[in-house]
Amino acid sequence: MAAMVSDASYNCPMTKAFDICIRGAGMVGQTLALLLARDRLRVGLVRPTVAPGVPAVDVRAYALNAASKGLIESLRGWPDAPQATPVRQMRISSEGGAQLQFSAEEMAVSALAWIVDVPALEARLAQAVGFQALIEPLESPQVASLTVVCEGRASRSRAEFGVEFVSTPYGQTAIATRLRCERPHAQVAFQWFAKGEILAFLPLDGEQGNSVAVVWSVATERAPDLLRMEPQLFAQELQALSQNALGHVELSGDRVAWPLVSAQAQQWVGQMSASGKQAWALAGDAAHAVHPLAGQGLNLGLADAAELARVLHEREYWRSVSDQKMLRRYERSRKVALSTMGGAMDGLQQLLTRQDAPLQSLREWGMKGFDRSGPLKRWVAQRAMGINKERS
């Protein structure tokens, strides 16, 4: 059960009254702050603490769906064209020769997703936050009617509130980096499944670019050797595993790694004091983690922000932002959405990485059948893109 936390635990005097204090000014936290400020709520936004050893240049990129793009555009936070590359095709290949393809033309959309540079998106959102008078940047948490935790998977506040975070390791580590390629990517996102590993090339630098963001999910025990490998040898490994799809490749960024887990907080909302006048809620990676194979992690976090903002906007006039019954509407809605997506990711990860001969045959058969499935393929693609989606 989550613990009650007294006001004194903040160890910080309140300089002004906040309706909401958001702990974590990453992409989910900034998006939520902008949404809440539109409703004339007073928001304190706590800057994240930079962990030691984090590279100066962030090599991460995210695949954002149409729902996420529309949300961020509505807040004037969408980056310029070169930092948000539309994906026109997705090609998925297995070691047995099966292939699965999606195309924007087939789906009658402008793009299947947009590959967005993390630094560019964070900078544009920060700029939008800077223009919003109702959002005050903070160095440390302050007292508010509602505290929203957007600190990420290793959240200290979640632990402070006594919330259990149930985590199941996949036995894999993700390695991210950047590559310059001999041939342009032609707005194609690639994914290869081989020997229990998953390699993704995500197109960067606009429609004519020849750079890609790499996410390589490997067995955890193999990751240290790959991280120590000479850059040229590491690039050769990637070129071979990618079946030379983009020709000669060379590293253009640092390598970063993190363990892959499936995780979920047992509680997403709770009270901070017995009076019920102060409450907390979790959002983004502080509430959940899924496998990156379908690129849905940030999309889920942004959907958390949108749903919490909607619930607060539509609350009855007599309810405060700390009302538990109202906050549980948010918790129920997002837990249902996570259960659907998280279950799908777990199943896919097992199917695509297990090396059992029967499962390999099933995978090859399933991929070929799914590629020809018509309506089913379209339905799955629409859900991944965040379009025609029923409210959870």
Protein backbone atom coordinates (compact mmCIF):
# COMPACT_ATOMS: atom_id res chain seq x y z
CA MET A 1 0.00 0.00 0.00
CA ALA A 2 1.26 3.47 -0.81
CA ALA A 3 2.51 5.52 2.10
CA MET A 4 1.13 8.84 3.27
CA VAL A 5 3.71 11.62 2.96
CA SER A 6 3.54 14.70 5.14
CA ASP A 7 4.00 18.20 3.76
CA ALA A 8 7.22 18.51 5.76
CA SER A 9 8.87 15.81 3.64
CA TYR A 10 9.35 18.32 0.83
CA ASN A 11 12.02 20.23 2.82
CA CYS A 12 11.30 23.26 0.67
CA PRO A 13 9.34 26.40 1.60
CA MET A 14 6.43 27.24 -0.68
CA THR A 15 6.97 30.51 -2.50
CA LYS A 16 3.55 30.48 -4.17
CA ALA A 17 0.51 28.23 -4.22
CA PHE A 18 0.58 25.62 -6.99
CA ASP A 19 -2.39 23.61 -8.16
CA ILE A 20 -0.04 20.96 -9.53
CA CYS A 21 3.63 20.16 -9.06
CA ILE A 22 5.14 17.97 -11.78
CA ARG A 23 8.28 16.13 -10.75
CA GLY A 24 10.26 15.58 -13.93
CA ALA A 25 10.61 18.03 -16.82
CA GLY A 26 11.20 15.50 -19.56
CA MET A 27 8.93 15.18 -22.58
CA VAL A 28 5.96 13.75 -20.68
CA GLY A 29 6.30 16.27 -17.85
CA GLN A 30 6.61 19.26 -20.17
CA THR A 31 3.67 18.10 -22.29
CA LEU A 32 1.49 17.67 -19.23
CA ALA A 33 2.50 21.09 -17.88
CA LEU A 34 1.50 22.78 -21.14
CA LEU A 35 -1.84 20.95 -21.23
CA LEU A 36 -2.67 21.92 -17.65
CA ALA A 37 -1.65 25.55 -18.12
CA ARG A 38 -4.17 25.79 -20.96
CA ASP A 39 -6.81 25.17 -18.28
CA ARG A 40 -5.44 28.05 -16.19
CA LEU A 41 -3.94 25.75 -13.57
CA ARG A 42 -0.82 26.96 -11.76
CA VAL A 43 1.96 24.44 -12.42
CA GLY A 44 5.37 23.96 -10.83
CA LEU A 45 7.73 21.96 -13.06
CA VAL A 46 10.72 20.36 -11.33
CA ARG A 47 13.81 20.08 -13.51
CA PRO A 48 15.33 16.59 -13.66
CA THR A 49 18.72 15.86 -12.14
CA VAL A 50 21.22 14.81 -14.82
CA ALA A 51 22.68 11.42 -13.96
CA PRO A 52 26.48 11.08 -14.02
CA GLY A 53 27.93 9.42 -17.10
CA VAL A 54 25.13 10.51 -19.46
CA PRO A 55 26.63 11.42 -22.89
CA ALA A 56 26.67 15.13 -23.74
CA VAL A 57 24.93 14.41 -27.06
CA ASP A 58 21.76 12.32 -26.73
CA VAL A 59 21.66 9.64 -29.44
CA ARG A 60 18.12 8.51 -28.73
CA ALA A 61 15.24 8.95 -31.15
CA TYR A 62 11.58 8.07 -30.73
CA ALA A 63 8.93 6.82 -33.12
CA LEU A 64 5.89 8.99 -32.47
CA ASN A 65 2.48 8.09 -33.84
CA ALA A 66 -0.17 10.39 -35.29
CA ALA A 67 -1.90 10.87 -31.94
CA SER A 68 1.35 11.98 -30.27
CA LYS A 69 2.22 14.27 -33.18
CA GLY A 70 -1.19 15.92 -33.07
CA LEU A 71 -0.92 16.42 -29.31
CA ILE A 72 2.53 18.03 -29.45
CA GLU A 73 1.64 20.17 -32.48
CA SER A 74 -1.36 21.53 -30.55
CA LEU A 75 1.12 22.75 -27.92
CA ARG A 76 3.49 24.25 -30.52
CA GLY A 77 6.18 21.82 -29.46
CA TRP A 78 6.78 19.91 -32.70
CA PRO A 79 10.37 20.24 -34.00
CA ASP A 80 11.37 21.42 -37.48
CA ALA A 81 11.28 19.03 -40.45
CA PRO A 82 14.90 17.78 -40.36
CA GLN A 83 14.43 16.65 -36.74
CA ALA A 84 11.14 14.83 -37.38
CA THR A 85 11.45 12.37 -40.25
CA PRO A 86 8.24 10.82 -41.63
CA VAL A 87 8.28 7.05 -42.03
CA ARG A 88 6.73 6.06 -45.35
CA GLN A 89 7.46 2.34 -45.11
CA MET A 90 8.32 -0.23 -42.48
CA ARG A 91 10.11 -3.45 -43.43
CA ILE A 92 10.42 -6.30 -40.95
CA SER A 93 12.58 -9.32 -41.77
CA SER A 94 13.32 -12.57 -39.99
CA GLU A 95 16.36 -14.80 -40.27
CA GLY A 96 14.19 -17.43 -41.96
CA GLY A 97 13.34 -15.13 -44.86
CA ALA A 98 9.81 -14.08 -43.84
CA GLN A 99 9.01 -10.42 -44.41
CA LEU A 100 6.32 -8.06 -43.21
CA GLN A 101 5.77 -4.65 -44.80
CA PHE A 102 3.63 -1.64 -43.99
CA SER A 103 3.34 1.45 -46.15
CA ALA A 104 1.76 4.86 -45.67
CA GLU A 105 0.27 4.62 -49.14
CA GLU A 106 -1.41 1.31 -48.29
CA MET A 107 -2.81 2.85 -45.08
CA ALA A 108 -3.87 6.07 -46.86
CA VAL A 109 -1.92 8.25 -44.41
CA SER A 110 0.90 10.75 -44.83
CA ALA A 111 3.25 8.72 -42.61
CA LEU A 112 3.22 5.59 -40.47
CA ALA A 113 5.15 7.41 -37.74
CA TRP A 114 7.68 10.20 -37.28
CA ILE A 115 11.21 9.54 -36.01
CA VAL A 116 12.02 12.46 -33.74
CA ASP A 117 15.36 13.52 -32.27
CA VAL A 118 15.03 13.55 -28.47
CA PRO A 119 17.14 16.73 -27.95
CA ALA A 120 15.21 18.65 -30.62
CA LEU A 121 11.82 17.69 -29.17
CA GLU A 122 12.87 18.49 -25.61
CA ALA A 123 14.23 21.88 -26.70
CA ARG A 124 11.05 22.83 -28.57
CA LEU A 125 8.84 21.78 -25.65
CA ALA A 126 11.07 23.73 -23.25
CA GLN A 127 10.69 26.79 -25.46
CA ALA A 128 6.89 26.45 -25.34
CA VAL A 129 7.05 26.05 -21.55
CA GLY A 130 9.15 29.23 -21.32
CA PHE A 131 6.36 31.23 -22.97
CA GLN A 132 3.70 29.96 -20.54
CA ALA A 133 3.37 32.29 -17.53
CA LEU A 134 1.42 29.73 -15.48
CA ILE A 135 4.34 27.26 -15.47
CA GLU A 136 7.17 27.96 -13.03
CA PRO A 137 10.44 25.98 -13.31
CA LEU A 138 11.55 24.57 -9.93
CA GLU A 139 14.79 23.14 -8.64
CA SER A 140 13.01 20.97 -6.06
CA PRO A 141 9.42 19.85 -5.32
CA GLN A 142 6.98 22.21 -3.63
CA VAL A 143 3.65 21.68 -1.95
CA ALA A 144 0.69 21.45 -4.34
CA SER A 145 -2.82 20.02 -4.37
CA LEU A 146 -1.66 17.37 -6.85
CA THR A 147 1.85 16.06 -7.42
CA VAL A 148 2.40 14.25 -10.72
CA VAL A 149 5.50 12.06 -10.96
CA CYS A 150 7.12 11.97 -14.42
CA GLU A 151 10.65 11.15 -13.29
CA GLY A 152 11.19 8.01 -15.34
CA ARG A 153 11.59 4.35 -14.51
CA ALA A 154 14.01 4.91 -11.61
CA SER A 155 11.69 7.42 -9.92
CA ARG A 156 12.66 8.36 -6.37
CA SER A 157 9.28 9.94 -5.71
CA ARG A 158 7.47 6.70 -6.53
CA ALA A 159 9.60 4.95 -3.93
CA GLU A 160 9.00 7.84 -1.50
CA PHE A 161 5.27 7.31 -1.85
CA GLY A 162 5.69 3.60 -1.10
CA VAL A 163 4.47 2.39 -4.47
CA GLU A 164 5.53 -1.09 -5.57
CA PHE A 165 6.99 -1.20 -9.08
CA VAL A 166 6.71 -4.75 -10.37
CA SER A 167 9.46 -5.33 -12.92
CA THR A 168 10.12 -8.43 -15.03
CA PRO A 169 13.47 -8.50 -16.90
CA TYR A 170 13.47 -9.63 -20.52
CA GLY A 171 17.08 -10.81 -20.23
CA GLN A 172 17.99 -8.28 -22.92
CA THR A 173 19.85 -4.98 -23.06
CA ALA A 174 19.09 -2.23 -25.58
CA ILE A 175 22.05 -0.54 -27.24
CA ALA A 176 21.38 2.77 -28.98
CA THR A 177 23.64 4.73 -31.30
CA ARG A 178 23.65 6.61 -34.63
CA LEU A 179 24.97 5.56 -38.06
CA ARG A 180 25.88 7.33 -41.27
CA CYS A 181 24.96 5.14 -44.22
CA GLU A 182 26.25 4.83 -47.76
CA ARG A 183 22.72 4.92 -49.18
CA PRO A 184 19.80 7.20 -48.17
CA HIS A 185 17.14 5.57 -46.00
CA ALA A 186 14.28 6.63 -48.35
CA GLN A 187 12.03 7.14 -45.27
CA VAL A 188 12.02 3.42 -44.50
CA ALA A 189 12.20 2.04 -40.95
CA PHE A 190 13.85 -1.38 -40.83
CA GLN A 191 13.68 -4.17 -38.28
CA TRP A 192 15.51 -7.50 -38.31
CA PHE A 193 14.99 -10.53 -36.05
CA ALA A 194 17.88 -12.98 -35.89
CA LYS A 195 19.39 -15.29 -33.26
CA GLY A 196 17.07 -14.00 -30.59
CA GLU A 197 18.08 -10.37 -31.18
CA ILE A 198 16.13 -7.41 -32.56
CA LEU A 199 17.80 -4.66 -34.61
CA ALA A 200 16.00 -1.48 -35.68
CA PHE A 201 17.18 1.27 -38.04
CA LEU A 202 15.07 4.43 -37.72
CA PRO A 203 15.42 7.11 -40.46
CA LEU A 204 16.84 10.51 -39.46
CA ASP A 205 17.67 13.93 -40.91
CA GLY A 206 14.59 14.39 -43.05
CA GLU A 207 13.24 12.85 -46.22
CA GLN A 208 16.59 12.79 -48.05
CA GLY A 209 18.72 11.78 -45.06
CA ASN A 210 21.25 8.98 -44.93
CA SER A 211 21.54 8.69 -41.14
CA VAL A 212 19.68 6.30 -38.87
CA ALA A 213 19.09 5.86 -35.16
CA VAL A 214 19.90 2.34 -34.01
CA VAL A 215 18.21 0.32 -31.28
CA TRP A 216 19.74 -3.15 -30.91
CA SER A 217 18.19 -5.50 -28.33
CA VAL A 218 20.77 -8.15 -27.41
CA ALA A 219 21.22 -10.78 -24.72
CA THR A 220 22.29 -9.01 -21.54
CA GLU A 221 25.45 -11.10 -21.15
CA ARG A 222 26.59 -10.10 -24.67
CA ALA A 223 26.10 -6.34 -24.24
CA PRO A 224 29.37 -5.48 -22.40
CA ASP A 225 31.50 -6.95 -25.20
CA LEU A 226 29.54 -5.02 -27.84
CA LEU A 227 29.91 -1.78 -25.90
CA ARG A 228 33.69 -2.26 -25.63
CA MET A 229 34.08 -3.23 -29.29
CA GLU A 230 36.04 -0.90 -31.57
CA PRO A 231 33.65 1.44 -33.45
CA GLN A 232 34.60 0.05 -36.87
CA LEU A 233 34.03 -3.55 -35.79
CA PHE A 234 30.74 -2.62 -34.13
CA ALA A 235 29.59 -0.95 -37.35
CA GLN A 236 30.55 -4.07 -39.29
CA GLU A 237 28.39 -6.18 -36.97
CA LEU A 238 25.45 -3.89 -37.66
CA GLN A 239 26.06 -3.89 -41.40
CA ALA A 240 26.06 -7.70 -41.49
CA LEU A 241 22.97 -8.08 -39.31
CA SER A 242 21.11 -5.49 -41.41
CA GLN A 243 21.85 -7.53 -44.54
CA ASN A 244 23.67 -4.55 -46.11
CA ALA A 245 20.33 -2.80 -46.59
CA LEU A 246 21.87 0.69 -46.56
CA GLY A 247 25.35 -0.22 -47.77
CA HIS A 248 28.47 0.66 -45.83
CA VAL A 249 27.74 2.16 -42.40
CA GLU A 250 29.87 3.94 -39.81
CA LEU A 251 29.18 5.09 -36.25
CA SER A 252 28.35 8.77 -35.83
CA GLY A 253 27.41 8.79 -32.14
CA ASP A 254 28.14 7.31 -28.74
CA ARG A 255 26.77 3.97 -27.65
CA VAL A 256 24.38 3.95 -24.69
CA ALA A 257 22.68 0.93 -23.14
CA TRP A 258 19.89 0.12 -20.70
CA PRO A 259 18.27 -3.10 -19.45
CA LEU A 260 14.91 -4.05 -20.95
CA VAL A 261 12.06 -4.86 -18.61
CA SER A 262 8.31 -5.09 -18.54
CA ALA A 263 7.16 -3.08 -15.52
CA GLN A 264 4.11 -1.47 -13.97
CA ALA A 265 3.37 0.41 -10.77
CA GLN A 266 0.77 -1.27 -8.58
CA GLN A 267 -0.88 2.10 -7.86
CA TRP A 268 -0.94 5.09 -10.17
CA VAL A 269 -2.75 7.52 -7.83
CA GLY A 270 -2.93 8.06 -4.08
CA GLN A 271 -3.20 10.49 -1.20
CA MET A 272 -0.27 12.36 0.29
CA SER A 273 -1.97 13.21 3.58
CA ALA A 274 -4.86 11.93 5.66
CA SER A 275 -6.81 15.12 4.98
CA GLY A 276 -7.16 14.19 1.30
CA LYS A 277 -6.25 17.74 0.29
CA GLN A 278 -3.06 16.63 -1.41
CA ALA A 279 -2.70 13.73 -3.84
CA TRP A 280 -0.19 12.20 -6.23
CA ALA A 281 -0.35 10.48 -9.62
CA LEU A 282 2.19 8.69 -11.82
CA ALA A 283 2.66 9.13 -15.56
CA GLY A 284 5.06 7.94 -18.23
CA ASP A 285 7.95 5.63 -17.38
CA ALA A 286 7.38 6.24 -13.67
CA ALA A 287 4.18 4.22 -14.11
CA HIS A 288 5.18 1.64 -16.72
CA ALA A 289 7.82 0.24 -19.07
CA VAL A 290 7.37 -1.84 -22.24
CA HIS A 291 9.73 -3.44 -24.74
CA PRO A 292 10.91 -0.97 -27.45
CA LEU A 293 10.31 -3.36 -30.36
CA ALA A 294 7.19 -1.46 -31.51
CA GLY A 295 8.38 1.98 -30.42
CA GLN A 296 5.37 2.61 -28.17
CA GLY A 297 7.05 3.72 -24.93
CA LEU A 298 6.86 7.51 -25.36
CA ASN A 299 3.51 7.25 -27.14
CA LEU A 300 2.10 5.59 -24.02
CA GLY A 301 3.63 8.28 -21.79
CA LEU A 302 2.21 11.12 -23.87
CA ALA A 303 -1.18 9.38 -23.84
CA ASP A 304 -0.93 9.32 -20.03
CA ALA A 305 -0.42 13.10 -20.04
CA ALA A 306 -3.32 13.66 -22.43
CA GLU A 307 -5.68 11.45 -20.41
CA LEU A 308 -4.78 12.99 -17.05
CA ALA A 309 -5.26 16.48 -18.50
CA ARG A 310 -8.63 15.40 -19.95
CA VAL A 311 -9.84 13.95 -16.65
CA LEU A 312 -8.85 17.12 -14.79
CA HIS A 313 -10.46 19.33 -17.44
CA GLU A 314 -13.74 17.40 -17.33
CA ARG A 315 -13.99 17.06 -13.55
CA GLU A 316 -17.15 18.27 -11.83
CA TYR A 317 -16.89 21.90 -10.70
CA TRP A 318 -16.97 20.91 -7.05
CA ARG A 319 -14.08 18.43 -7.26
CA SER A 320 -10.53 19.57 -6.52
CA VAL A 321 -7.56 18.35 -8.56
CA SER A 322 -6.69 16.08 -5.60
CA ASP A 323 -10.04 14.25 -5.62
CA GLN A 324 -9.34 10.50 -5.45
CA LYS A 325 -12.48 9.35 -7.22
CA MET A 326 -11.66 11.60 -10.14
CA LEU A 327 -8.00 10.53 -10.25
CA ARG A 328 -8.98 6.87 -10.28
CA ARG A 329 -10.77 7.50 -13.58
CA TYR A 330 -7.35 8.31 -15.02
CA GLU A 331 -5.77 5.25 -13.39
CA ARG A 332 -8.42 2.83 -14.69
CA SER A 333 -8.32 4.24 -18.20
CA ARG A 334 -4.55 4.08 -18.55
CA LYS A 335 -4.16 0.68 -16.92
CA VAL A 336 -6.55 -0.77 -19.50
CA ALA A 337 -4.57 0.82 -22.34
CA LEU A 338 -1.27 -0.41 -20.88
CA SER A 339 -2.62 -3.92 -20.38
CA THR A 340 -3.52 -4.13 -24.07
CA MET A 341 -0.22 -2.73 -25.36
CA GLY A 342 2.00 -4.35 -22.73
CA GLY A 343 0.46 -7.77 -23.32
CA ALA A 344 1.00 -7.43 -27.05
CA MET A 345 4.64 -6.40 -26.55
CA ASP A 346 5.33 -9.31 -24.20
CA GLY A 347 3.81 -11.79 -26.63
CA LEU A 348 5.71 -10.38 -29.61
CA GLN A 349 8.98 -10.34 -27.71
CA GLN A 350 8.58 -14.01 -26.82
CA LEU A 351 7.57 -14.98 -30.34
CA LEU A 352 10.33 -13.02 -32.05
CA THR A 353 13.27 -13.85 -29.80
CA ARG A 354 12.72 -17.44 -28.69
CA GLN A 355 15.01 -19.90 -30.48
CA ASP A 356 12.88 -23.05 -30.09
CA ALA A 357 12.48 -24.74 -33.46
CA PRO A 358 8.65 -25.00 -33.23
CA LEU A 359 8.40 -21.29 -32.40
CA GLN A 360 10.71 -20.34 -35.26
CA SER A 361 8.48 -22.21 -37.69
CA LEU A 362 5.39 -20.59 -36.16
CA ARG A 363 7.01 -17.16 -36.46
CA GLU A 364 7.81 -17.61 -40.13
CA TRP A 365 4.32 -18.89 -40.88
CA GLY A 366 2.69 -16.17 -38.80
CA MET A 367 4.61 -13.30 -40.38
CA LYS A 368 3.81 -14.46 -43.89
CA GLY A 369 0.13 -14.96 -43.07
CA PHE A 370 -0.17 -11.64 -41.27
CA ASP A 371 1.39 -9.77 -44.19
CA ARG A 372 -1.44 -11.08 -46.38
CA SER A 373 -4.20 -10.65 -43.79
CA GLY A 374 -5.67 -7.40 -45.14
CA PRO A 375 -8.20 -6.04 -42.59
CA LEU A 376 -6.35 -7.51 -39.58
CA LYS A 377 -3.06 -5.97 -40.70
CA ARG A 378 -4.76 -2.61 -41.21
CA TRP A 379 -6.46 -2.77 -37.78
CA VAL A 380 -3.18 -3.49 -35.99
CA ALA A 381 -1.38 -0.73 -37.90
CA GLN A 382 -4.10 1.79 -37.04
CA ARG A 383 -3.78 1.04 -33.33
CA ALA A 384 -0.01 1.40 -33.47
CA MET A 385 -0.40 4.74 -35.28
CA GLY A 386 -2.90 5.98 -32.69
CA ILE A 387 -5.67 6.61 -35.22
CA ASN A 388 -9.31 5.46 -35.18
CA LYS A 389 -8.71 4.48 -31.60
CA GLU A 390 -11.54 4.15 -29.16
CA ARG A 391 -11.08 5.90 -25.83
CA SER A 392 -10.00 3.43 -23.20
